[in-house]
Amino acid sequence: MFEKLKDLLNPKNQKKNSSNLVILLIAGAVVLLLSNYYLAGKNASDQGLKSNNSIKEDHVTNFIEEDYANTIERKLEEILQKIKGVGEVHVMITFEDTSEKVPVFNTTQMIERTDEKDAQGGTREITREDLSKQIVIGNNGESLMIMKETKPKVRGVIVVADGAENMEVKEKLYSAVKTVLGISGNKVEVYSSK
């Protein structure tokens, strides 16, 4: 080993060693640049993929919620138009928040009790609890199994109807909306159309 060090430090071999050192440094720099470029590209594509999935999930959630609102509005319009004295009806419903899905959990709980006695005759009880929860995933491995889904609460309803200028018809519309949606009267407004 000392022989190699002496050989490296020998002035005759210094020119050869310095050229080898320069080549080694250049090769190291190239490896570092390539690894940074590769890792930066991979991180950007991963971020783009995550961002894309997030956008798709948000879009699907918004579409489902809009579809839910449109379905209720359409059904309400259809039923209200069947009331005597009511013509064409338009309904708008707003919600307080979004729907909530509660996933299924696989819960495992272990309780281990140990009684120990010491040399002086004293006893102590040791209890160890271990609780683990795992979210259950569906058959396809991509979606969660849902235990229940709560629909969003209605914030308010506006009904615009032909015939609502008649107080009796207006009261019928008002009562029908309160009953169907199960909401209080201060969340419903009924107007006659022009």
C-alpha atoms as a PDB file:
ATOM      1  CA  MET A   1       0.000   0.000   0.000  1.00  0.00           C
ATOM      2  CA  PHE A   2       2.817   2.394   0.881  1.00  0.00           C
ATOM      3  CA  GLU A   3       4.497   1.451  -2.362  1.00  0.00           C
ATOM      4  CA  LYS A   4       1.427   2.594  -4.353  1.00  0.00           C
ATOM      5  CA  LEU A   5       1.298   5.897  -2.445  1.00  0.00           C
ATOM      6  CA  LYS A   6       4.963   6.512  -3.166  1.00  0.00           C
ATOM      7  CA  ASP A   7       4.374   5.623  -6.788  1.00  0.00           C
ATOM      8  CA  LEU A   8       1.418   8.080  -6.988  1.00  0.00           C
ATOM      9  CA  LEU A   9       3.412  10.879  -5.397  1.00  0.00           C
ATOM     10  CA  ASN A  10       6.432  10.269  -7.626  1.00  0.00           C
ATOM     11  CA  PRO A  11       6.989  13.319  -9.870  1.00  0.00           C
ATOM     12  CA  LYS A  12       7.455  11.073 -12.927  1.00  0.00           C
ATOM     13  CA  ASN A  13       3.908   9.635 -12.624  1.00  0.00           C
ATOM     14  CA  GLN A  14       2.213  12.889 -11.601  1.00  0.00           C
ATOM     15  CA  LYS A  15       1.292  13.887 -15.150  1.00  0.00           C
ATOM     16  CA  LYS A  16      -0.372  10.529 -15.780  1.00  0.00           C
ATOM     17  CA  ASN A  17      -2.167  10.650 -12.403  1.00  0.00           C
ATOM     18  CA  SER A  18      -3.430  14.190 -12.904  1.00  0.00           C
ATOM     19  CA  SER A  19      -4.950  13.276 -16.276  1.00  0.00           C
ATOM     20  CA  ASN A  20      -6.623  10.234 -14.678  1.00  0.00           C
ATOM     21  CA  LEU A  21      -7.940  12.451 -11.863  1.00  0.00           C
ATOM     22  CA  VAL A  22      -9.380  14.982 -14.362  1.00  0.00           C
ATOM     23  CA  ILE A  23     -11.110  12.189 -16.301  1.00  0.00           C
ATOM     24  CA  LEU A  24     -12.518  10.790 -13.056  1.00  0.00           C
ATOM     25  CA  LEU A  25     -13.845  14.214 -11.996  1.00  0.00           C
ATOM     26  CA  ILE A  26     -15.482  14.788 -15.384  1.00  0.00           C
ATOM     27  CA  ALA A  27     -17.123  11.334 -15.262  1.00  0.00           C
ATOM     28  CA  GLY A  28     -18.438  12.056 -11.738  1.00  0.00           C
ATOM     29  CA  ALA A  29     -19.884  15.403 -12.840  1.00  0.00           C
ATOM     30  CA  VAL A  30     -21.633  13.778 -15.812  1.00  0.00           C
ATOM     31  CA  VAL A  31     -23.144  11.100 -13.545  1.00  0.00           C
ATOM     32  CA  LEU A  32     -24.416  13.773 -11.121  1.00  0.00           C
ATOM     33  CA  LEU A  33     -25.974  15.841 -13.921  1.00  0.00           C
ATOM     34  CA  LEU A  34     -27.687  12.823 -15.473  1.00  0.00           C
ATOM     35  CA  SER A  35     -29.046  11.629 -12.134  1.00  0.00           C
ATOM     36  CA  ASN A  36     -30.431  15.112 -11.316  1.00  0.00           C
ATOM     37  CA  TYR A  37     -32.031  15.358 -14.755  1.00  0.00           C
ATOM     38  CA  TYR A  38     -33.572  11.883 -14.451  1.00  0.00           C
ATOM     39  CA  LEU A  39     -34.871  12.452 -10.903  1.00  0.00           C
ATOM     40  CA  ALA A  40     -36.294  15.884 -11.765  1.00  0.00           C
ATOM     41  CA  GLY A  41     -38.134  14.439 -14.764  1.00  0.00           C
ATOM     42  CA  LYS A  42     -39.495  11.542 -12.727  1.00  0.00           C
ATOM     43  CA  ASN A  43     -40.690  13.838  -9.890  1.00  0.00           C
ATOM     44  CA  ALA A  44     -42.385  16.160 -12.375  1.00  0.00           C
ATOM     45  CA  SER A  45     -44.190  13.266 -14.064  1.00  0.00           C
ATOM     46  CA  ASP A  46     -45.234  11.864 -10.653  1.00  0.00           C
ATOM     47  CA  GLN A  47     -46.556  15.298  -9.616  1.00  0.00           C
ATOM     48  CA  GLY A  48     -48.383  15.624 -12.937  1.00  0.00           C
ATOM     49  CA  LEU A  49     -49.950  12.188 -12.474  1.00  0.00           C
ATOM     50  CA  LYS A  50     -51.028  12.975  -8.900  1.00  0.00           C
ATOM     51  CA  SER A  51     -52.379  16.357 -10.006  1.00  0.00           C
ATOM     52  CA  ASN A  52     -54.257  14.716 -12.894  1.00  0.00           C
ATOM     53  CA  ASN A  53     -55.828  12.128 -10.574  1.00  0.00           C
ATOM     54  CA  SER A  54     -56.815  14.864  -8.121  1.00  0.00           C
ATOM     55  CA  ILE A  55     -58.412  16.907 -10.902  1.00  0.00           C
ATOM     56  CA  LYS A  56     -60.296  13.845 -12.166  1.00  0.00           C
ATOM     57  CA  GLU A  57     -61.573  13.011  -8.664  1.00  0.00           C
ATOM     58  CA  ASP A  58     -62.704  16.620  -8.106  1.00  0.00           C
ATOM     59  CA  HIS A  59     -64.410  16.654 -11.499  1.00  0.00           C
ATOM     60  CA  VAL A  60     -66.213  13.363 -10.782  1.00  0.00           C
ATOM     61  CA  THR A  61     -67.294  14.580  -7.322  1.00  0.00           C
ATOM     62  CA  ASN A  62     -68.612  17.869  -8.749  1.00  0.00           C
ATOM     63  CA  PHE A  63     -70.421  15.998 -11.542  1.00  0.00           C
ATOM     64  CA  ILE A  64     -72.087  13.609  -9.063  1.00  0.00           C
ATOM     65  CA  GLU A  65     -73.187  16.484  -6.812  1.00  0.00           C
ATOM     66  CA  GLU A  66     -74.535  18.508  -9.748  1.00  0.00           C
ATOM     67  CA  ASP A  67     -76.332  15.406 -11.008  1.00  0.00           C
ATOM     68  CA  TYR A  68     -77.852  14.869  -7.543  1.00  0.00           C
ATOM     69  CA  ALA A  69     -79.069  18.484  -7.402  1.00  0.00           C
ATOM     70  CA  ASN A  70     -80.415  18.366 -10.960  1.00  0.00           C
ATOM     71  CA  THR A  71     -82.264  15.114 -10.288  1.00  0.00           C
ATOM     72  CA  ILE A  72     -83.969  16.485  -7.179  1.00  0.00           C
ATOM     73  CA  GLU A  73     -84.830  19.759  -8.920  1.00  0.00           C
ATOM     74  CA  ARG A  74     -86.289  17.913 -11.923  1.00  0.00           C
ATOM     75  CA  LYS A  75     -88.375  15.559  -9.759  1.00  0.00           C
ATOM     76  CA  LEU A  76     -89.637  18.453  -7.662  1.00  0.00           C
ATOM     77  CA  GLU A  77     -90.600  20.428 -10.784  1.00  0.00           C
ATOM     78  CA  GLU A  78     -92.494  17.427 -12.168  1.00  0.00           C
ATOM     79  CA  ILE A  79     -94.488  16.839  -8.985  1.00  0.00           C
ATOM     80  CA  LEU A  80     -95.226  20.517  -8.315  1.00  0.00           C
ATOM     81  CA  GLN A  81     -96.626  20.981 -11.850  1.00  0.00           C
ATOM     82  CA  LYS A  82     -99.264  18.355 -11.037  1.00  0.00           C
ATOM     83  CA  ILE A  83    -100.773  20.498  -8.260  1.00  0.00           C
ATOM     84  CA  LYS A  84    -104.132  22.038  -9.233  1.00  0.00           C
ATOM     85  CA  GLY A  85    -103.746  25.642 -10.385  1.00  0.00           C
ATOM     86  CA  VAL A  86     -99.986  25.381 -11.033  1.00  0.00           C
ATOM     87  CA  GLY A  87     -98.535  25.857 -14.519  1.00  0.00           C
ATOM     88  CA  GLU A  88     -94.881  25.726 -15.477  1.00  0.00           C
ATOM     89  CA  VAL A  89     -92.485  25.407 -12.519  1.00  0.00           C
ATOM     90  CA  HIS A  90     -88.776  26.111 -12.116  1.00  0.00           C
ATOM     91  CA  VAL A  91     -86.899  25.015  -8.984  1.00  0.00           C
ATOM     92  CA  MET A  92     -83.427  25.893  -7.728  1.00  0.00           C
ATOM     93  CA  ILE A  93     -81.905  24.099  -4.739  1.00  0.00           C
ATOM     94  CA  THR A  94     -78.682  25.049  -2.981  1.00  0.00           C
ATOM     95  CA  PHE A  95     -76.793  22.824  -0.557  1.00  0.00           C
ATOM     96  CA  GLU A  96     -74.753  23.638   2.548  1.00  0.00           C
ATOM     97  CA  ASP A  97     -71.877  21.302   1.796  1.00  0.00           C
ATOM     98  CA  THR A  98     -70.914  18.274  -0.240  1.00  0.00           C
ATOM     99  CA  SER A  99     -71.974  14.692   0.255  1.00  0.00           C
ATOM    100  CA  GLU A 100     -69.954  12.604   2.688  1.00  0.00           C
ATOM    101  CA  LYS A 101     -68.917   9.006   2.173  1.00  0.00           C
ATOM    102  CA  VAL A 102     -67.984   6.893   5.187  1.00  0.00           C
ATOM    103  CA  PRO A 103     -65.620   4.049   4.232  1.00  0.00           C
ATOM    104  CA  VAL A 104     -65.717   0.548   5.705  1.00  0.00           C
ATOM    105  CA  PHE A 105     -62.976  -0.126   8.263  1.00  0.00           C
ATOM    106  CA  ASN A 106     -61.608  -3.497   9.292  1.00  0.00           C
ATOM    107  CA  THR A 107     -60.965  -2.952  13.000  1.00  0.00           C
ATOM    108  CA  THR A 108     -58.877  -5.294  15.124  1.00  0.00           C
ATOM    109  CA  GLN A 109     -58.611  -4.768  18.870  1.00  0.00           C
ATOM    110  CA  MET A 110     -56.397  -6.813  21.170  1.00  0.00           C
ATOM    111  CA  ILE A 111     -56.437  -6.478  24.943  1.00  0.00           C
ATOM    112  CA  GLU A 112     -53.722  -8.302  26.844  1.00  0.00           C
ATOM    113  CA  ARG A 113     -53.817  -8.434  30.635  1.00  0.00           C
ATOM    114  CA  THR A 114     -50.962  -9.723  32.769  1.00  0.00           C
ATOM    115  CA  ASP A 115     -50.917 -10.139  36.550  1.00  0.00           C
ATOM    116  CA  GLU A 116     -47.468 -10.006  38.105  1.00  0.00           C
ATOM    117  CA  LYS A 117     -46.489 -10.851  41.655  1.00  0.00           C
ATOM    118  CA  ASP A 118     -43.268  -9.576  43.162  1.00  0.00           C
ATOM    119  CA  ALA A 119     -41.113 -11.119  45.910  1.00  0.00           C
ATOM    120  CA  GLN A 120     -42.691  -8.957  48.641  1.00  0.00           C
ATOM    121  CA  GLY A 121     -46.158 -10.342  47.899  1.00  0.00           C
ATOM    122  CA  GLY A 122     -47.452  -7.323  45.989  1.00  0.00           C
ATOM    123  CA  THR A 123     -49.352  -7.706  42.752  1.00  0.00           C
ATOM    124  CA  ARG A 124     -49.798  -5.461  39.771  1.00  0.00           C
ATOM    125  CA  GLU A 125     -51.928  -5.749  36.717  1.00  0.00           C
ATOM    126  CA  ILE A 126     -50.580  -4.711  33.326  1.00  0.00           C
ATOM    127  CA  THR A 127     -53.049  -4.041  30.537  1.00  0.00           C
ATOM    128  CA  ARG A 128     -51.906  -3.515  26.984  1.00  0.00           C
ATOM    129  CA  GLU A 129     -54.384  -2.502  24.312  1.00  0.00           C
ATOM    130  CA  ASP A 130     -53.685  -2.581  20.607  1.00  0.00           C
ATOM    131  CA  LEU A 131     -56.183  -1.136  18.142  1.00  0.00           C
ATOM    132  CA  SER A 132     -55.636  -1.167  14.405  1.00  0.00           C
ATOM    133  CA  LYS A 133     -57.895   0.099  11.643  1.00  0.00           C
ATOM    134  CA  GLN A 134     -57.584  -0.614   7.958  1.00  0.00           C
ATOM    135  CA  ILE A 135     -59.730   0.832   5.208  1.00  0.00           C
ATOM    136  CA  VAL A 136     -61.373  -1.897   3.131  1.00  0.00           C
ATOM    137  CA  ILE A 137     -60.778  -1.585  -0.602  1.00  0.00           C
ATOM    138  CA  GLY A 138     -63.187  -2.975  -3.228  1.00  0.00           C
ATOM    139  CA  ASN A 139     -62.598  -5.899  -5.558  1.00  0.00           C
ATOM    140  CA  ASN A 140     -60.942  -3.858  -8.293  1.00  0.00           C
ATOM    141  CA  GLY A 141     -58.383  -2.477  -5.815  1.00  0.00           C
ATOM    142  CA  GLU A 142     -58.977   1.129  -6.838  1.00  0.00           C
ATOM    143  CA  SER A 143     -62.065   2.210  -4.910  1.00  0.00           C
ATOM    144  CA  LEU A 144     -63.005   2.168  -1.264  1.00  0.00           C
ATOM    145  CA  MET A 145     -65.921   0.160   0.037  1.00  0.00           C
ATOM    146  CA  ILE A 146     -68.488   2.629   1.344  1.00  0.00           C
ATOM    147  CA  MET A 147     -70.469   1.875   4.508  1.00  0.00           C
ATOM    148  CA  LYS A 148     -72.831   4.829   4.130  1.00  0.00           C
ATOM    149  CA  GLU A 149     -73.173   8.022   2.171  1.00  0.00           C
ATOM    150  CA  THR A 150     -74.840  11.093   3.584  1.00  0.00           C
ATOM    151  CA  LYS A 151     -76.317  13.507   1.105  1.00  0.00           C
ATOM    152  CA  PRO A 152     -75.712  17.230   1.574  1.00  0.00           C
ATOM    153  CA  LYS A 153     -78.215  19.271   3.569  1.00  0.00           C
ATOM    154  CA  VAL A 154     -80.451  21.685   1.706  1.00  0.00           C
ATOM    155  CA  ARG A 155     -79.552  25.330   2.340  1.00  0.00           C
ATOM    156  CA  GLY A 156     -82.453  26.856   0.463  1.00  0.00           C
ATOM    157  CA  VAL A 157     -85.055  26.421  -2.272  1.00  0.00           C
ATOM    158  CA  ILE A 158     -86.551  28.880  -4.718  1.00  0.00           C
ATOM    159  CA  VAL A 159     -89.697  27.951  -6.633  1.00  0.00           C
ATOM    160  CA  VAL A 160     -90.919  30.090  -9.526  1.00  0.00           C
ATOM    161  CA  ALA A 161     -94.300  28.933 -10.793  1.00  0.00           C
ATOM    162  CA  ASP A 162     -97.205  30.019 -12.974  1.00  0.00           C
ATOM    163  CA  GLY A 163    -100.222  30.416 -10.718  1.00  0.00           C
ATOM    164  CA  ALA A 164     -98.224  31.276  -7.569  1.00  0.00           C
ATOM    165  CA  GLU A 165     -99.871  34.707  -7.441  1.00  0.00           C
ATOM    166  CA  ASN A 166    -102.914  32.889  -5.993  1.00  0.00           C
ATOM    167  CA  MET A 167    -102.279  32.621  -2.232  1.00  0.00           C
ATOM    168  CA  GLU A 168    -103.872  29.164  -1.969  1.00  0.00           C
ATOM    169  CA  VAL A 169    -101.648  27.762  -4.762  1.00  0.00           C
ATOM    170  CA  LYS A 170     -98.613  29.487  -3.270  1.00  0.00           C
ATOM    171  CA  GLU A 171     -99.292  27.856   0.114  1.00  0.00           C
ATOM    172  CA  LYS A 172     -99.662  24.433  -1.530  1.00  0.00           C
ATOM    173  CA  LEU A 173     -96.322  24.841  -3.305  1.00  0.00           C
ATOM    174  CA  TYR A 174     -94.698  26.056  -0.095  1.00  0.00           C
ATOM    175  CA  SER A 175     -96.025  23.098   1.931  1.00  0.00           C
ATOM    176  CA  ALA A 176     -95.145  20.562  -0.758  1.00  0.00           C
ATOM    177  CA  VAL A 177     -91.493  21.693  -0.923  1.00  0.00           C
ATOM    178  CA  LYS A 178     -91.139  21.686   2.880  1.00  0.00           C
ATOM    179  CA  THR A 179     -92.617  18.185   3.076  1.00  0.00           C
ATOM    180  CA  VAL A 180     -90.644  16.630   0.230  1.00  0.00           C
ATOM    181  CA  LEU A 181     -87.260  17.982   1.326  1.00  0.00           C
ATOM    182  CA  GLY A 182     -87.943  17.844   5.079  1.00  0.00           C
ATOM    183  CA  ILE A 183     -86.797  21.409   5.653  1.00  0.00           C
ATOM    184  CA  SER A 184     -88.092  24.347   7.661  1.00  0.00           C
ATOM    185  CA  GLY A 185     -90.201  27.073   6.093  1.00  0.00           C
ATOM    186  CA  ASN A 186     -87.523  29.757   6.341  1.00  0.00           C
ATOM    187  CA  LYS A 187     -85.503  27.881   3.690  1.00  0.00           C
ATOM    188  CA  VAL A 188     -88.258  28.003   1.043  1.00  0.00           C
ATOM    189  CA  GLU A 189     -89.338  30.936  -1.124  1.00  0.00           C
ATOM    190  CA  VAL A 190     -92.141  30.717  -3.687  1.00  0.00           C
ATOM    191  CA  TYR A 191     -92.587  33.340  -6.424  1.00  0.00           C
ATOM    192  CA  SER A 192     -94.965  33.769  -9.321  1.00  0.00           C
ATOM    193  CA  SER A 193     -93.427  33.783 -12.772  1.00  0.00           C
ATOM    194  CA  LYS A 194     -93.705  36.711 -15.135  1.00  0.00           C
END
